[in-house]
N, C-alpha and C. Protein backbone atom coordinates (compact mmCIF):
# COMPACT_ATOMS: atom_id res chain seq x y z
N MET A 1 15.50 191.35 126.80
CA MET A 1 14.63 190.20 126.81
C MET A 1 13.92 190.13 128.16
N LYS A 2 12.66 189.81 128.17
CA LYS A 2 11.85 189.87 129.37
C LYS A 2 12.18 188.77 130.38
N ASP A 3 12.59 187.60 129.95
CA ASP A 3 12.82 186.47 130.86
C ASP A 3 14.26 186.40 131.37
N ASP A 4 15.07 187.40 131.12
CA ASP A 4 16.45 187.39 131.59
C ASP A 4 16.49 187.46 133.11
N PRO A 5 17.38 186.69 133.75
CA PRO A 5 17.49 186.77 135.20
C PRO A 5 18.10 188.10 135.63
N LEU A 6 17.80 188.53 136.84
CA LEU A 6 18.32 189.80 137.35
C LEU A 6 19.54 189.62 138.24
N CYS A 7 19.57 188.55 139.03
CA CYS A 7 20.65 188.41 139.99
C CYS A 7 21.52 187.20 139.65
N ILE A 8 22.68 187.16 140.28
CA ILE A 8 23.64 186.10 140.02
C ILE A 8 24.03 185.47 141.35
N TYR A 9 24.36 184.19 141.31
CA TYR A 9 24.72 183.44 142.51
C TYR A 9 26.15 182.92 142.38
N ALA A 10 26.72 182.50 143.50
CA ALA A 10 28.12 182.09 143.55
C ALA A 10 28.44 180.98 142.55
N LYS A 11 27.54 180.04 142.39
CA LYS A 11 27.77 178.93 141.46
C LYS A 11 27.91 179.44 140.02
N GLU A 12 27.10 180.42 139.66
CA GLU A 12 27.17 181.00 138.32
C GLU A 12 28.44 181.83 138.15
N VAL A 13 28.81 182.58 139.20
CA VAL A 13 30.06 183.35 139.16
C VAL A 13 31.22 182.39 138.92
N ALA A 14 31.26 181.30 139.67
CA ALA A 14 32.34 180.31 139.53
C ALA A 14 32.39 179.75 138.11
N ARG A 15 31.24 179.47 137.53
CA ARG A 15 31.19 178.93 136.17
C ARG A 15 31.73 179.94 135.16
N ILE A 16 31.37 181.21 135.33
CA ILE A 16 31.79 182.24 134.38
C ILE A 16 33.30 182.50 134.48
N ILE A 17 33.83 182.58 135.70
CA ILE A 17 35.26 182.87 135.85
C ILE A 17 36.11 181.60 135.83
N ARG A 18 35.46 180.46 135.70
CA ARG A 18 36.13 179.16 135.60
C ARG A 18 37.03 178.89 136.80
N ARG A 19 36.42 179.03 137.96
CA ARG A 19 37.10 178.76 139.22
C ARG A 19 36.18 177.90 140.09
N SER A 20 36.64 177.56 141.27
CA SER A 20 35.85 176.72 142.17
C SER A 20 34.65 177.50 142.71
N GLU A 21 33.69 176.74 143.24
CA GLU A 21 32.52 177.38 143.83
C GLU A 21 32.91 178.20 145.06
N ARG A 22 33.94 177.77 145.77
CA ARG A 22 34.44 178.52 146.93
C ARG A 22 34.97 179.88 146.49
N THR A 23 35.66 179.94 145.37
CA THR A 23 36.14 181.21 144.83
C THR A 23 34.95 182.08 144.43
N GLY A 24 33.91 181.47 143.87
CA GLY A 24 32.68 182.19 143.55
C GLY A 24 32.07 182.81 144.80
N ASP A 25 32.10 182.07 145.92
CA ASP A 25 31.61 182.59 147.19
C ASP A 25 32.42 183.82 147.63
N ARG A 26 33.73 183.72 147.50
CA ARG A 26 34.59 184.85 147.88
C ARG A 26 34.30 186.07 147.04
N TRP A 27 34.11 185.86 145.73
CA TRP A 27 33.79 186.98 144.85
C TRP A 27 32.47 187.62 145.27
N MET A 28 31.49 186.82 145.66
CA MET A 28 30.21 187.37 146.08
C MET A 28 30.38 188.25 147.32
N VAL A 29 31.16 187.78 148.29
CA VAL A 29 31.42 188.58 149.50
C VAL A 29 32.14 189.87 149.13
N ASP A 30 33.15 189.76 148.25
CA ASP A 30 33.89 190.95 147.82
C ASP A 30 32.97 191.95 147.13
N MET A 31 32.06 191.46 146.29
CA MET A 31 31.15 192.36 145.58
C MET A 31 30.16 193.02 146.54
N LEU A 32 29.70 192.28 147.53
CA LEU A 32 28.81 192.88 148.53
C LEU A 32 29.50 194.04 149.23
N CYS A 33 30.76 193.85 149.60
CA CYS A 33 31.53 194.93 150.24
C CYS A 33 31.76 196.08 149.26
N PHE A 34 32.13 195.76 148.04
CA PHE A 34 32.42 196.77 147.02
C PHE A 34 31.21 197.67 146.78
N TYR A 35 30.02 197.08 146.71
CA TYR A 35 28.80 197.84 146.44
C TYR A 35 28.10 198.32 147.71
N GLY A 36 28.68 198.04 148.88
CA GLY A 36 28.09 198.50 150.13
C GLY A 36 26.75 197.88 150.44
N LYS A 37 26.59 196.62 150.10
CA LYS A 37 25.31 195.93 150.32
C LYS A 37 25.38 195.10 151.60
N LYS A 38 24.22 194.80 152.12
CA LYS A 38 24.11 193.95 153.30
C LYS A 38 24.10 192.48 152.84
N PRO A 39 24.47 191.55 153.76
CA PRO A 39 24.57 190.13 153.37
C PRO A 39 23.30 189.53 152.77
N HIS A 40 22.12 190.05 153.12
CA HIS A 40 20.88 189.47 152.58
C HIS A 40 20.53 190.03 151.20
N GLN A 41 21.23 191.06 150.75
CA GLN A 41 20.93 191.66 149.45
C GLN A 41 21.61 190.87 148.32
N LEU A 42 21.06 191.00 147.14
CA LEU A 42 21.54 190.26 145.98
C LEU A 42 22.44 191.11 145.09
N ILE A 43 23.28 190.43 144.34
CA ILE A 43 24.14 191.07 143.34
C ILE A 43 23.49 190.87 141.98
N THR A 44 23.35 191.94 141.23
CA THR A 44 22.77 191.81 139.89
C THR A 44 23.84 191.37 138.90
N ILE A 45 23.39 190.87 137.78
CA ILE A 45 24.32 190.45 136.75
C ILE A 45 25.09 191.66 136.22
N ARG A 46 24.42 192.80 136.11
CA ARG A 46 25.11 194.03 135.67
C ARG A 46 26.20 194.43 136.64
N GLU A 47 25.93 194.33 137.95
CA GLU A 47 26.95 194.66 138.94
C GLU A 47 28.13 193.70 138.84
N PHE A 48 27.85 192.41 138.66
CA PHE A 48 28.92 191.43 138.49
C PHE A 48 29.78 191.77 137.28
N CYS A 49 29.13 192.09 136.16
CA CYS A 49 29.87 192.41 134.93
C CYS A 49 30.75 193.64 135.13
N GLU A 50 30.21 194.66 135.79
CA GLU A 50 30.98 195.87 136.06
C GLU A 50 32.18 195.54 136.94
N TYR A 51 31.97 194.75 137.98
CA TYR A 51 33.03 194.38 138.92
C TYR A 51 34.12 193.56 138.23
N ALA A 52 33.71 192.63 137.37
CA ALA A 52 34.65 191.73 136.70
C ALA A 52 35.25 192.32 135.44
N GLY A 53 34.70 193.45 134.97
CA GLY A 53 35.20 194.05 133.74
C GLY A 53 34.77 193.31 132.50
N LEU A 54 33.57 192.74 132.54
CA LEU A 54 33.03 191.99 131.40
C LEU A 54 31.88 192.75 130.77
N GLU A 55 31.64 192.47 129.50
CA GLU A 55 30.53 193.07 128.78
C GLU A 55 29.23 192.34 129.15
N TYR A 56 28.24 193.11 129.58
CA TYR A 56 26.96 192.54 130.02
C TYR A 56 26.32 191.67 128.94
N GLU A 57 26.21 192.19 127.73
CA GLU A 57 25.54 191.45 126.65
C GLU A 57 26.25 190.14 126.34
N GLU A 58 27.57 190.14 126.37
CA GLU A 58 28.33 188.92 126.09
C GLU A 58 28.08 187.87 127.17
N VAL A 59 28.08 188.28 128.42
CA VAL A 59 27.81 187.35 129.53
C VAL A 59 26.39 186.80 129.41
N MET A 60 25.43 187.67 129.13
CA MET A 60 24.05 187.22 129.00
C MET A 60 23.90 186.22 127.86
N ASP A 61 24.47 186.54 126.70
CA ASP A 61 24.36 185.65 125.55
C ASP A 61 25.02 184.30 125.81
N ARG A 62 26.16 184.32 126.44
CA ARG A 62 26.92 183.10 126.64
C ARG A 62 26.39 182.21 127.76
N TYR A 63 25.91 182.80 128.83
CA TYR A 63 25.61 182.00 130.02
C TYR A 63 24.15 182.00 130.47
N PHE A 64 23.35 182.96 130.05
CA PHE A 64 22.01 183.06 130.62
C PHE A 64 20.86 182.98 129.61
N ARG A 65 21.08 183.35 128.40
CA ARG A 65 19.97 183.32 127.43
C ARG A 65 19.88 181.97 126.78
N LYS A 66 18.65 181.52 126.63
CA LYS A 66 18.43 180.23 125.98
C LYS A 66 18.63 180.40 124.49
N GLU A 67 19.02 179.31 123.87
CA GLU A 67 19.22 179.33 122.42
C GLU A 67 17.92 179.67 121.71
N LYS A 68 18.05 180.45 120.68
CA LYS A 68 16.88 180.73 119.85
C LYS A 68 16.78 179.62 118.82
N ARG A 69 15.69 178.91 118.85
CA ARG A 69 15.52 177.79 117.95
C ARG A 69 14.52 178.14 116.86
N PHE A 70 14.83 177.68 115.69
CA PHE A 70 13.93 177.92 114.57
C PHE A 70 12.91 176.81 114.51
N VAL A 71 11.66 177.19 114.38
CA VAL A 71 10.56 176.19 114.35
C VAL A 71 10.12 175.98 112.94
């Protein structure tokens, strides 16, 4: 889908893993280290899914894609 977001933020990580926003922050720092990125670089949703062991399509459908409404 063309309008899908590319990157993920700590608040979204926290919502997906059902933990505090502080834990989401820690996960973001851990992922930056894991992928060898600099602090100003972003984590993609695909990288998050790989790191967390989640299916990309399931995460996208559940948390990022808007409902398809019938008109």
